[in-house]
Amino acid sequence: TGSPVVVTPIWLDQFANAELVKYMCGIATPALDDLTSSELATHIKRAMTDLGTRATASMLAQSVHQEDGVRKAVEYVGRLIKEEIQSGIWHKRWKATGYGWRDDWGMEKYV
């Protein structure tokens, strides 16, 4: 929409997201536990009135609108299926992680 974002970290990766947003198109606030309602209101007002933040958010929105996101997503999924899943590369990587993979799940018929 081109509107600046106000990110208030609550859990894990949101702290990193807040840092990224601060430099791109929004305002990062302290963690929720360390933030008063008055401070949050100040951050929201700043996001909506800071010309640089608004300009960056607007440029990002224009860039996103110009992309053919659906086509790119379909191409990516097609490549993933063809190059990673059908070839067995994805299965080998996933199994190597030991990340919840169990042979008795019967997933071999899908990969």
PDB file of N, CA and C in Angstrom:
ATOM      1  N   THR A   1       0.808  -1.197   0.000  1.00  0.00           N
ATOM      2  CA  THR A   1       0.000   0.000   0.000  1.00  0.00           C
ATOM      3  C   THR A   1       0.852   1.263   0.000  1.00  0.00           C
ATOM      4  N   GLY A   2       2.106   1.116   0.293  1.00  0.00           N
ATOM      5  CA  GLY A   2       2.978   2.275   0.353  1.00  0.00           C
ATOM      6  C   GLY A   2       2.954   2.974   1.695  1.00  0.00           C
ATOM      7  N   SER A   3       2.270   2.374   2.656  1.00  0.00           N
ATOM      8  CA  SER A   3       2.227   2.954   4.000  1.00  0.00           C
ATOM      9  C   SER A   3       3.422   2.479   4.810  1.00  0.00           C
ATOM     10  N   PRO A   4       4.018   3.361   5.591  1.00  0.00           N
ATOM     11  CA  PRO A   4       5.117   2.940   6.458  1.00  0.00           C
ATOM     12  C   PRO A   4       4.641   1.895   7.467  1.00  0.00           C
ATOM     13  N   VAL A   5       5.558   1.080   7.917  1.00  0.00           N
ATOM     14  CA  VAL A   5       5.257   0.008   8.855  1.00  0.00           C
ATOM     15  C   VAL A   5       5.846   0.359  10.213  1.00  0.00           C
ATOM     16  N   VAL A   6       5.106   0.029  11.266  1.00  0.00           N
ATOM     17  CA  VAL A   6       5.619   0.160  12.626  1.00  0.00           C
ATOM     18  C   VAL A   6       5.715  -1.251  13.187  1.00  0.00           C
ATOM     19  N   VAL A   7       6.936  -1.701  13.446  1.00  0.00           N
ATOM     20  CA  VAL A   7       7.152  -3.059  13.940  1.00  0.00           C
ATOM     21  C   VAL A   7       7.504  -3.003  15.418  1.00  0.00           C
ATOM     22  N   THR A   8       6.743  -3.735  16.201  1.00  0.00           N
ATOM     23  CA  THR A   8       6.999  -3.850  17.631  1.00  0.00           C
ATOM     24  C   THR A   8       7.358  -5.299  17.925  1.00  0.00           C
ATOM     25  N   PRO A   9       8.637  -5.587  18.161  1.00  0.00           N
ATOM     26  CA  PRO A   9       9.063  -6.968  18.392  1.00  0.00           C
ATOM     27  C   PRO A   9       8.390  -7.578  19.620  1.00  0.00           C
ATOM     28  N   ILE A  10       7.914  -8.791  19.428  1.00  0.00           N
ATOM     29  CA  ILE A  10       7.300  -9.529  20.520  1.00  0.00           C
ATOM     30  C   ILE A  10       8.040 -10.842  20.738  1.00  0.00           C
ATOM     31  N   TRP A  11       8.517 -11.465  19.654  1.00  0.00           N
ATOM     32  CA  TRP A  11       9.082 -12.802  19.755  1.00  0.00           C
ATOM     33  C   TRP A  11      10.191 -12.999  18.734  1.00  0.00           C
ATOM     34  N   LEU A  12      11.261 -13.572  19.082  1.00  0.00           N
ATOM     35  CA  LEU A  12      12.406 -14.040  18.306  1.00  0.00           C
ATOM     36  C   LEU A  12      12.762 -13.216  17.069  1.00  0.00           C
ATOM     37  N   ASP A  13      12.386 -13.684  15.872  1.00  0.00           N
ATOM     38  CA  ASP A  13      12.856 -13.058  14.637  1.00  0.00           C
ATOM     39  C   ASP A  13      12.287 -11.666  14.420  1.00  0.00           C
ATOM     40  N   GLN A  14      11.291 -11.286  15.162  1.00  0.00           N
ATOM     41  CA  GLN A  14      10.728  -9.955  14.969  1.00  0.00           C
ATOM     42  C   GLN A  14      11.730  -8.863  15.328  1.00  0.00           C
ATOM     43  N   PHE A  15      12.696  -9.184  16.184  1.00  0.00           N
ATOM     44  CA  PHE A  15      13.723  -8.199  16.502  1.00  0.00           C
ATOM     45  C   PHE A  15      14.566  -7.910  15.255  1.00  0.00           C
ATOM     46  N   ALA A  16      14.925  -8.963  14.516  1.00  0.00           N
ATOM     47  CA  ALA A  16      15.682  -8.777  13.275  1.00  0.00           C
ATOM     48  C   ALA A  16      14.830  -8.047  12.241  1.00  0.00           C
ATOM     49  N   ASN A  17      13.561  -8.413  12.136  1.00  0.00           N
ATOM     50  CA  ASN A  17      12.672  -7.737  11.195  1.00  0.00           C
ATOM     51  C   ASN A  17      12.559  -6.256  11.518  1.00  0.00           C
ATOM     52  N   ALA A  18      12.506  -5.939  12.793  1.00  0.00           N
ATOM     53  CA  ALA A  18      12.411  -4.539  13.190  1.00  0.00           C
ATOM     54  C   ALA A  18      13.647  -3.764  12.744  1.00  0.00           C
ATOM     55  N   GLU A  19      14.814  -4.369  12.845  1.00  0.00           N
ATOM     56  CA  GLU A  19      16.036  -3.698  12.394  1.00  0.00           C
ATOM     57  C   GLU A  19      15.987  -3.448  10.891  1.00  0.00           C
ATOM     58  N   LEU A  20      15.545  -4.444  10.124  1.00  0.00           N
ATOM     59  CA  LEU A  20      15.458  -4.276   8.672  1.00  0.00           C
ATOM     60  C   LEU A  20      14.451  -3.198   8.296  1.00  0.00           C
ATOM     61  N   VAL A  21      13.308  -3.232   8.933  1.00  0.00           N
ATOM     62  CA  VAL A  21      12.260  -2.267   8.624  1.00  0.00           C
ATOM     63  C   VAL A  21      12.738  -0.858   8.915  1.00  0.00           C
ATOM     64  N   LYS A  22      13.478  -0.703   9.987  1.00  0.00           N
ATOM     65  CA  LYS A  22      13.952   0.627  10.376  1.00  0.00           C
ATOM     66  C   LYS A  22      14.742   1.278   9.245  1.00  0.00           C
ATOM     67  N   TYR A  23      15.479   0.479   8.495  1.00  0.00           N
ATOM     68  CA  TYR A  23      16.314   1.032   7.431  1.00  0.00           C
ATOM     69  C   TYR A  23      15.608   1.076   6.083  1.00  0.00           C
ATOM     70  N   MET A  24      14.456   0.474   5.978  1.00  0.00           N
ATOM     71  CA  MET A  24      13.807   0.399   4.676  1.00  0.00           C
ATOM     72  C   MET A  24      12.568   1.287   4.566  1.00  0.00           C
ATOM     73  N   CYS A  25      11.529   0.932   5.260  1.00  0.00           N
ATOM     74  CA  CYS A  25      10.275   1.651   5.006  1.00  0.00           C
ATOM     75  C   CYS A  25       9.369   1.680   6.225  1.00  0.00           C
ATOM     76  N   GLY A  26       9.953   1.807   7.376  1.00  0.00           N
ATOM     77  CA  GLY A  26       9.110   1.840   8.558  1.00  0.00           C
ATOM     78  C   GLY A  26       9.887   2.230   9.790  1.00  0.00           C
ATOM     79  N   ILE A  27       9.233   2.062  10.910  1.00  0.00           N
ATOM     80  CA  ILE A  27       9.783   2.435  12.195  1.00  0.00           C
ATOM     81  C   ILE A  27       9.852   1.191  13.071  1.00  0.00           C
ATOM     82  N   ALA A  28      10.994   0.994  13.711  1.00  0.00           N
ATOM     83  CA  ALA A  28      11.150  -0.107  14.663  1.00  0.00           C
ATOM     84  C   ALA A  28      11.020   0.456  16.068  1.00  0.00           C
ATOM     85  N   THR A  29      10.243  -0.205  16.888  1.00  0.00           N
ATOM     86  CA  THR A  29      10.073   0.232  18.266  1.00  0.00           C
ATOM     87  C   THR A  29      10.830  -0.716  19.192  1.00  0.00           C
ATOM     88  N   PRO A  30      10.984  -0.339  20.443  1.00  0.00           N
ATOM     89  CA  PRO A  30      11.530  -1.293  21.409  1.00  0.00           C
ATOM     90  C   PRO A  30      10.571  -2.481  21.561  1.00  0.00           C
ATOM     91  N   ALA A  31      11.020  -3.523  22.224  1.00  0.00           N
ATOM     92  CA  ALA A  31      10.171  -4.691  22.466  1.00  0.00           C
ATOM     93  C   ALA A  31       8.905  -4.269  23.210  1.00  0.00           C
ATOM     94  N   LEU A  32       7.845  -4.997  22.997  1.00  0.00           N
ATOM     95  CA  LEU A  32       6.544  -4.659  23.564  1.00  0.00           C
ATOM     96  C   LEU A  32       6.604  -4.473  25.078  1.00  0.00           C
ATOM     97  N   ASP A  33       7.348  -5.332  25.760  1.00  0.00           N
ATOM     98  CA  ASP A  33       7.451  -5.232  27.221  1.00  0.00           C
ATOM     99  C   ASP A  33       8.111  -3.932  27.671  1.00  0.00           C
ATOM    100  N   ASP A  34       8.895  -3.317  26.787  1.00  0.00           N
ATOM    101  CA  ASP A  34       9.626  -2.097  27.128  1.00  0.00           C
ATOM    102  C   ASP A  34       8.987  -0.844  26.535  1.00  0.00           C
ATOM    103  N   LEU A  35       7.751  -0.942  26.077  1.00  0.00           N
ATOM    104  CA  LEU A  35       7.117   0.137  25.329  1.00  0.00           C
ATOM    105  C   LEU A  35       5.834   0.587  26.020  1.00  0.00           C
ATOM    106  N   THR A  36       5.689   1.877  26.204  1.00  0.00           N
ATOM    107  CA  THR A  36       4.440   2.408  26.756  1.00  0.00           C
ATOM    108  C   THR A  36       3.501   2.776  25.612  1.00  0.00           C
ATOM    109  N   SER A  37       2.241   2.938  25.919  1.00  0.00           N
ATOM    110  CA  SER A  37       1.276   3.309  24.880  1.00  0.00           C
ATOM    111  C   SER A  37       1.601   4.688  24.306  1.00  0.00           C
ATOM    112  N   SER A  38       2.097   5.565  25.146  1.00  0.00           N
ATOM    113  CA  SER A  38       2.478   6.900  24.680  1.00  0.00           C
ATOM    114  C   SER A  38       3.644   6.822  23.692  1.00  0.00           C
ATOM    115  N   GLU A  39       4.623   5.975  24.001  1.00  0.00           N
ATOM    116  CA  GLU A  39       5.765   5.800  23.093  1.00  0.00           C
ATOM    117  C   GLU A  39       5.316   5.184  21.775  1.00  0.00           C
ATOM    118  N   LEU A  40       4.416   4.201  21.845  1.00  0.00           N
ATOM    119  CA  LEU A  40       3.909   3.583  20.618  1.00  0.00           C
ATOM    120  C   LEU A  40       3.202   4.625  19.758  1.00  0.00           C
ATOM    121  N   ALA A  41       2.392   5.463  20.380  1.00  0.00           N
ATOM    122  CA  ALA A  41       1.702   6.526  19.638  1.00  0.00           C
ATOM    123  C   ALA A  41       2.705   7.457  18.961  1.00  0.00           C
ATOM    124  N   THR A  42       3.786   7.767  19.655  1.00  0.00           N
ATOM    125  CA  THR A  42       4.828   8.628  19.081  1.00  0.00           C
ATOM    126  C   THR A  42       5.458   7.976  17.855  1.00  0.00           C
ATOM    127  N   HIS A  43       5.729   6.671  17.931  1.00  0.00           N
ATOM    128  CA  HIS A  43       6.327   5.951  16.798  1.00  0.00           C
ATOM    129  C   HIS A  43       5.363   5.915  15.604  1.00  0.00           C
ATOM    130  N   ILE A  44       4.096   5.713  15.872  1.00  0.00           N
ATOM    131  CA  ILE A  44       3.109   5.685  14.787  1.00  0.00           C
ATOM    132  C   ILE A  44       3.031   7.055  14.109  1.00  0.00           C
ATOM    133  N   LYS A  45       2.967   8.107  14.912  1.00  0.00           N
ATOM    134  CA  LYS A  45       2.937   9.463  14.343  1.00  0.00           C
ATOM    135  C   LYS A  45       4.183   9.728  13.510  1.00  0.00           C
ATOM    136  N   ARG A  46       5.332   9.290  14.017  1.00  0.00           N
ATOM    137  CA  ARG A  46       6.588   9.494  13.282  1.00  0.00           C
ATOM    138  C   ARG A  46       6.561   8.764  11.943  1.00  0.00           C
ATOM    139  N   ALA A  47       6.066   7.534  11.948  1.00  0.00           N
ATOM    140  CA  ALA A  47       6.000   6.762  10.702  1.00  0.00           C
ATOM    141  C   ALA A  47       5.106   7.442   9.675  1.00  0.00           C
ATOM    142  N   MET A  48       4.045   8.048  10.135  1.00  0.00           N
ATOM    143  CA  MET A  48       3.093   8.663   9.217  1.00  0.00           C
ATOM    144  C   MET A  48       3.499  10.070   8.780  1.00  0.00           C
ATOM    145  N   THR A  49       4.406  10.705   9.510  1.00  0.00           N
ATOM    146  CA  THR A  49       4.767  12.084   9.163  1.00  0.00           C
ATOM    147  C   THR A  49       6.188  12.236   8.632  1.00  0.00           C
ATOM    148  N   ASP A  50       7.042  11.247   8.842  1.00  0.00           N
ATOM    149  CA  ASP A  50       8.428  11.342   8.371  1.00  0.00           C
ATOM    150  C   ASP A  50       8.458  11.183   6.852  1.00  0.00           C
ATOM    151  N   LEU A  51       8.845  12.239   6.154  1.00  0.00           N
ATOM    152  CA  LEU A  51       8.811  12.229   4.684  1.00  0.00           C
ATOM    153  C   LEU A  51       9.730  11.175   4.086  1.00  0.00           C
ATOM    154  N   GLY A  52      10.900  10.957   4.672  1.00  0.00           N
ATOM    155  CA  GLY A  52      11.820   9.948   4.157  1.00  0.00           C
ATOM    156  C   GLY A  52      11.256   8.548   4.274  1.00  0.00           C
ATOM    157  N   THR A  53      10.660   8.239   5.418  1.00  0.00           N
ATOM    158  CA  THR A  53      10.052   6.925   5.635  1.00  0.00           C
ATOM    159  C   THR A  53       8.893   6.715   4.676  1.00  0.00           C
ATOM    160  N   ARG A  54       8.066   7.733   4.525  1.00  0.00           N
ATOM    161  CA  ARG A  54       6.923   7.616   3.614  1.00  0.00           C
ATOM    162  C   ARG A  54       7.385   7.445   2.164  1.00  0.00           C
ATOM    163  N   ALA A  55       8.426   8.175   1.773  1.00  0.00           N
ATOM    164  CA  ALA A  55       8.939   8.071   0.402  1.00  0.00           C
ATOM    165  C   ALA A  55       9.505   6.684   0.137  1.00  0.00           C
ATOM    166  N   THR A  56      10.257   6.146   1.095  1.00  0.00           N
ATOM    167  CA  THR A  56      10.829   4.809   0.919  1.00  0.00           C
ATOM    168  C   THR A  56       9.730   3.763   0.837  1.00  0.00           C
ATOM    169  N   ALA A  57       8.723   3.867   1.693  1.00  0.00           N
ATOM    170  CA  ALA A  57       7.602   2.925   1.659  1.00  0.00           C
ATOM    171  C   ALA A  57       6.861   3.016   0.330  1.00  0.00           C
ATOM    172  N   SER A  58       6.693   4.220  -0.174  1.00  0.00           N
ATOM    173  CA  SER A  58       6.013   4.419  -1.453  1.00  0.00           C
ATOM    174  C   SER A  58       6.813   3.821  -2.611  1.00  0.00           C
ATOM    175  N   MET A  59       8.135   4.038  -2.598  1.00  0.00           N
ATOM    176  CA  MET A  59       8.986   3.465  -3.657  1.00  0.00           C
ATOM    177  C   MET A  59       8.940   1.942  -3.622  1.00  0.00           C
ATOM    178  N   LEU A  60       8.958   1.367  -2.427  1.00  0.00           N
ATOM    179  CA  LEU A  60       8.886  -0.086  -2.310  1.00  0.00           C
ATOM    180  C   LEU A  60       7.556  -0.598  -2.857  1.00  0.00           C
ATOM    181  N   ALA A  61       6.471   0.088  -2.540  1.00  0.00           N
ATOM    182  CA  ALA A  61       5.156  -0.318  -3.039  1.00  0.00           C
ATOM    183  C   ALA A  61       5.110  -0.270  -4.563  1.00  0.00           C
ATOM    184  N   GLN A  62       5.653   0.792  -5.156  1.00  0.00           N
ATOM    185  CA  GLN A  62       5.676   0.895  -6.619  1.00  0.00           C
ATOM    186  C   GLN A  62       6.482  -0.239  -7.234  1.00  0.00           C
ATOM    187  N   SER A  63       7.601  -0.558  -6.623  1.00  0.00           N
ATOM    188  CA  SER A  63       8.446  -1.637  -7.119  1.00  0.00           C
ATOM    189  C   SER A  63       7.712  -2.975  -7.067  1.00  0.00           C
ATOM    190  N   VAL A  64       7.021  -3.229  -5.962  1.00  0.00           N
ATOM    191  CA  VAL A  64       6.284  -4.487  -5.807  1.00  0.00           C
ATOM    192  C   VAL A  64       5.150  -4.564  -6.820  1.00  0.00           C
ATOM    193  N   HIS A  65       4.457  -3.456  -7.049  1.00  0.00           N
ATOM    194  CA  HIS A  65       3.351  -3.448  -8.008  1.00  0.00           C
ATOM    195  C   HIS A  65       3.835  -3.710  -9.436  1.00  0.00           C
ATOM    196  N   GLN A  66       5.069  -3.354  -9.745  1.00  0.00           N
ATOM    197  CA  GLN A  66       5.607  -3.556 -11.087  1.00  0.00           C
ATOM    198  C   GLN A  66       6.065  -4.994 -11.323  1.00  0.00           C
ATOM    199  N   GLU A  67       6.276  -5.739 -10.252  1.00  0.00           N
ATOM    200  CA  GLU A  67       6.720  -7.124 -10.407  1.00  0.00           C
ATOM    201  C   GLU A  67       5.551  -8.006 -10.827  1.00  0.00           C
ATOM    202  N   ASP A  68       5.876  -9.048 -11.549  1.00  0.00           N
ATOM    203  CA  ASP A  68       4.875 -10.049 -11.901  1.00  0.00           C
ATOM    204  C   ASP A  68       5.032 -11.190 -10.901  1.00  0.00           C
ATOM    205  N   GLY A  69       4.572 -10.947  -9.683  1.00  0.00           N
ATOM    206  CA  GLY A  69       4.790 -11.871  -8.580  1.00  0.00           C
ATOM    207  C   GLY A  69       4.195 -13.249  -8.787  1.00  0.00           C
ATOM    208  N   VAL A  70       3.000 -13.314  -9.366  1.00  0.00           N
ATOM    209  CA  VAL A  70       2.359 -14.612  -9.576  1.00  0.00           C
ATOM    210  C   VAL A  70       3.183 -15.447 -10.549  1.00  0.00           C
ATOM    211  N   ARG A  71       3.614 -14.827 -11.652  1.00  0.00           N
ATOM    212  CA  ARG A  71       4.418 -15.561 -12.633  1.00  0.00           C
ATOM    213  C   ARG A  71       5.716 -16.047 -11.999  1.00  0.00           C
ATOM    214  N   LYS A  72       6.376 -15.178 -11.241  1.00  0.00           N
ATOM    215  CA  LYS A  72       7.635 -15.558 -10.601  1.00  0.00           C
ATOM    216  C   LYS A  72       7.433 -16.694  -9.607  1.00  0.00           C
ATOM    217  N   ALA A  73       6.340 -16.651  -8.858  1.00  0.00           N
ATOM    218  CA  ALA A  73       6.063 -17.712  -7.888  1.00  0.00           C
ATOM    219  C   ALA A  73       5.820 -19.042  -8.589  1.00  0.00           C
ATOM    220  N   VAL A  74       5.053 -19.007  -9.678  1.00  0.00           N
ATOM    221  CA  VAL A  74       4.775 -20.233 -10.432  1.00  0.00           C
ATOM    222  C   VAL A  74       6.067 -20.795 -11.021  1.00  0.00           C
ATOM    223  N   GLU A  75       6.915 -19.924 -11.573  1.00  0.00           N
ATOM    224  CA  GLU A  75       8.198 -20.378 -12.117  1.00  0.00           C
ATOM    225  C   GLU A  75       9.069 -20.993 -11.023  1.00  0.00           C
ATOM    226  N   TYR A  76       9.101 -20.362  -9.859  1.00  0.00           N
ATOM    227  CA  TYR A  76       9.912 -20.871  -8.750  1.00  0.00           C
ATOM    228  C   TYR A  76       9.429 -22.251  -8.307  1.00  0.00           C
ATOM    229  N   VAL A  77       8.119 -22.399  -8.140  1.00  0.00           N
ATOM    230  CA  VAL A  77       7.577 -23.694  -7.718  1.00  0.00           C
ATOM    231  C   VAL A  77       7.850 -24.744  -8.786  1.00  0.00           C
ATOM    232  N   GLY A  78       7.705 -24.379 -10.062  1.00  0.00           N
ATOM    233  CA  GLY A  78       8.007 -25.316 -11.144  1.00  0.00           C
ATOM    234  C   GLY A  78       9.452 -25.767 -11.114  1.00  0.00           C
ATOM    235  N   ARG A  79      10.377 -24.817 -10.918  1.00  0.00           N
ATOM    236  CA  ARG A  79      11.802 -25.167 -10.815  1.00  0.00           C
ATOM    237  C   ARG A  79      12.066 -26.046  -9.604  1.00  0.00           C
ATOM    238  N   LEU A  80      11.438 -25.719  -8.489  1.00  0.00           N
ATOM    239  CA  LEU A  80      11.617 -26.509  -7.275  1.00  0.00           C
ATOM    240  C   LEU A  80      11.183 -27.950  -7.505  1.00  0.00           C
ATOM    241  N   ILE A  81      10.028 -28.120  -8.127  1.00  0.00           N
ATOM    242  CA  ILE A  81       9.535 -29.475  -8.392  1.00  0.00           C
ATOM    243  C   ILE A  81      10.469 -30.211  -9.336  1.00  0.00           C
ATOM    244  N   LYS A  82      10.843 -29.562 -10.430  1.00  0.00           N
ATOM    245  CA  LYS A  82      11.661 -30.214 -11.444  1.00  0.00           C
ATOM    246  C   LYS A  82      13.094 -30.459 -10.974  1.00  0.00           C
ATOM    247  N   GLU A  83      13.733 -29.438 -10.428  1.00  0.00           N
ATOM    248  CA  GLU A  83      15.159 -29.531 -10.110  1.00  0.00           C
ATOM    249  C   GLU A  83      15.443 -30.097  -8.727  1.00  0.00           C
ATOM    250  N   GLU A  84      14.538 -29.927  -7.788  1.00  0.00           N
ATOM    251  CA  GLU A  84      14.822 -30.340  -6.419  1.00  0.00           C
ATOM    252  C   GLU A  84      14.037 -31.588  -6.010  1.00  0.00           C
ATOM    253  N   ILE A  85      12.748 -31.589  -6.247  1.00  0.00           N
ATOM    254  CA  ILE A  85      11.917 -32.686  -5.751  1.00  0.00           C
ATOM    255  C   ILE A  85      12.014 -33.913  -6.646  1.00  0.00           C
ATOM    256  N   GLN A  86      11.784 -33.772  -7.943  1.00  0.00           N
ATOM    257  CA  GLN A  86      11.817 -34.925  -8.835  1.00  0.00           C
ATOM    258  C   GLN A  86      13.199 -35.548  -8.913  1.00  0.00           C
ATOM    259  N   SER A  87      14.228 -34.740  -8.777  1.00  0.00           N
ATOM    260  CA  SER A  87      15.592 -35.271  -8.845  1.00  0.00           C
ATOM    261  C   SER A  87      16.017 -35.951  -7.548  1.00  0.00           C
ATOM    262  N   GLY A  88      15.287 -35.704  -6.463  1.00  0.00           N
ATOM    263  CA  GLY A  88      15.635 -36.304  -5.181  1.00  0.00           C
ATOM    264  C   GLY A  88      16.554 -35.442  -4.328  1.00  0.00           C
ATOM    265  N   ILE A  89      16.993 -34.296  -4.859  1.00  0.00           N
ATOM    266  CA  ILE A  89      17.893 -33.420  -4.100  1.00  0.00           C
ATOM    267  C   ILE A  89      17.217 -32.938  -2.822  1.00  0.00           C
ATOM    268  N   TRP A  90      15.971 -32.506  -2.924  1.00  0.00           N
ATOM    269  CA  TRP A  90      15.252 -32.004  -1.755  1.00  0.00           C
ATOM    270  C   TRP A  90      15.151 -33.080  -0.683  1.00  0.00           C
ATOM    271  N   HIS A  91      14.823 -34.291  -1.102  1.00  0.00           N
ATOM    272  CA  HIS A  91      14.680 -35.405  -0.157  1.00  0.00           C
ATOM    273  C   HIS A  91      15.988 -35.661   0.577  1.00  0.00           C
ATOM    274  N   LYS A  92      17.098 -35.649  -0.159  1.00  0.00           N
ATOM    275  CA  LYS A  92      18.404 -35.884   0.470  1.00  0.00           C
ATOM    276  C   LYS A  92      18.741 -34.776   1.461  1.00  0.00           C
ATOM    277  N   ARG A  93      18.493 -33.540   1.070  1.00  0.00           N
ATOM    278  CA  ARG A  93      18.770 -32.418   1.979  1.00  0.00           C
ATOM    279  C   ARG A  93      17.914 -32.504   3.235  1.00  0.00           C
ATOM    280  N   TRP A  94      16.634 -32.751   3.044  1.00  0.00           N
ATOM    281  CA  TRP A  94      15.717 -32.813   4.178  1.00  0.00           C
ATOM    282  C   TRP A  94      16.098 -33.950   5.113  1.00  0.00           C
ATOM    283  N   LYS A  95      16.380 -35.094   4.538  1.00  0.00           N
ATOM    284  CA  LYS A  95      16.726 -36.253   5.358  1.00  0.00           C
ATOM    285  C   LYS A  95      18.036 -36.003   6.102  1.00  0.00           C
ATOM    286  N   ALA A  96      18.987 -35.327   5.467  1.00  0.00           N
ATOM    287  CA  ALA A  96      20.282 -35.046   6.091  1.00  0.00           C
ATOM    288  C   ALA A  96      20.145 -34.125   7.297  1.00  0.00           C
ATOM    289  N   THR A  97      19.122 -33.303   7.307  1.00  0.00           N
ATOM    290  CA  THR A  97      18.942 -32.402   8.446  1.00  0.00           C
ATOM    291  C   THR A  97      18.465 -33.147   9.676  1.00  0.00           C
ATOM    292  N   GLY A  98      17.806 -34.294   9.472  1.00  0.00           N
ATOM    293  CA  GLY A  98      17.226 -35.013  10.594  1.00  0.00           C
ATOM    294  C   GLY A  98      16.102 -34.222  11.238  1.00  0.00           C
ATOM    295  N   TYR A  99      15.625 -33.260  10.518  1.00  0.00           N
ATOM    296  CA  TYR A  99      14.655 -32.314  11.049  1.00  0.00           C
ATOM    297  C   TYR A  99      13.244 -32.871  10.954  1.00  0.00           C
ATOM    298  N   GLY A 100      12.931 -33.805  11.811  1.00  0.00           N
ATOM    299  CA  GLY A 100      11.587 -34.346  11.842  1.00  0.00           C
ATOM    300  C   GLY A 100      11.313 -35.406  10.790  1.00  0.00           C
ATOM    301  N   TRP A 101      12.341 -35.807  10.038  1.00  0.00           N
ATOM    302  CA  TRP A 101      12.116 -36.805   8.994  1.00  0.00           C
ATOM    303  C   TRP A 101      12.077 -38.192   9.601  1.00  0.00           C
ATOM    304  N   ARG A 102      11.065 -38.934   9.233  1.00  0.00           N
ATOM    305  CA  ARG A 102      10.986 -40.326   9.681  1.00  0.00           C
ATOM    306  C   ARG A 102      10.594 -41.168   8.483  1.00  0.00           C
ATOM    307  N   ASP A 103      11.337 -42.240   8.268  1.00  0.00           N
ATOM    308  CA  ASP A 103      11.040 -43.107   7.130  1.00  0.00           C
ATOM    309  C   ASP A 103       9.663 -43.753   7.252  1.00  0.00           C
ATOM    310  N   ASP A 104       9.178 -43.927   8.464  1.00  0.00           N
ATOM    311  CA  ASP A 104       7.882 -44.585   8.613  1.00  0.00           C
ATOM    312  C   ASP A 104       6.697 -43.648   8.352  1.00  0.00           C
ATOM    313  N   TRP A 105       6.965 -42.423   7.939  1.00  0.00           N
ATOM    314  CA  TRP A 105       5.878 -41.524   7.573  1.00  0.00           C
ATOM    315  C   TRP A 105       5.326 -41.858   6.186  1.00  0.00           C
ATOM    316  N   GLY A 106       6.051 -42.661   5.429  1.00  0.00           N
ATOM    317  CA  GLY A 106       5.590 -43.038   4.107  1.00  0.00           C
ATOM    318  C   GLY A 106       5.710 -41.939   3.069  1.00  0.00           C
ATOM    319  N   MET A 107       6.595 -40.974   3.286  1.00  0.00           N
ATOM    320  CA  MET A 107       6.734 -39.847   2.367  1.00  0.00           C
ATOM    321  C   MET A 107       7.500 -40.209   1.101  1.00  0.00           C
ATOM    322  N   GLU A 108       8.184 -41.341   1.098  1.00  0.00           N
ATOM    323  CA  GLU A 108       8.994 -41.704  -0.065  1.00  0.00           C
ATOM    324  C   GLU A 108       8.164 -41.745  -1.345  1.00  0.00           C
ATOM    325  N   LYS A 109       6.896 -42.098  -1.239  1.00  0.00           N
ATOM    326  CA  LYS A 109       6.066 -42.170  -2.439  1.00  0.00           C
ATOM    327  C   LYS A 109       5.809 -40.789  -3.048  1.00  0.00           C
ATOM    328  N   TYR A 110       6.073 -39.715  -2.284  1.00  0.00           N
ATOM    329  CA  TYR A 110       5.832 -38.369  -2.782  1.00  0.00           C
ATOM    330  C   TYR A 110       7.078 -37.701  -3.329  1.00  0.00           C
ATOM    331  N   VAL A 111       8.252 -38.245  -3.036  1.00  0.00           N
ATOM    332  CA  VAL A 111       9.476 -37.570  -3.464  1.00  0.00           C
ATOM    333  C   VAL A 111      10.291 -38.425  -4.393  1.00  0.00           C
TER     334      VAL A 111
END
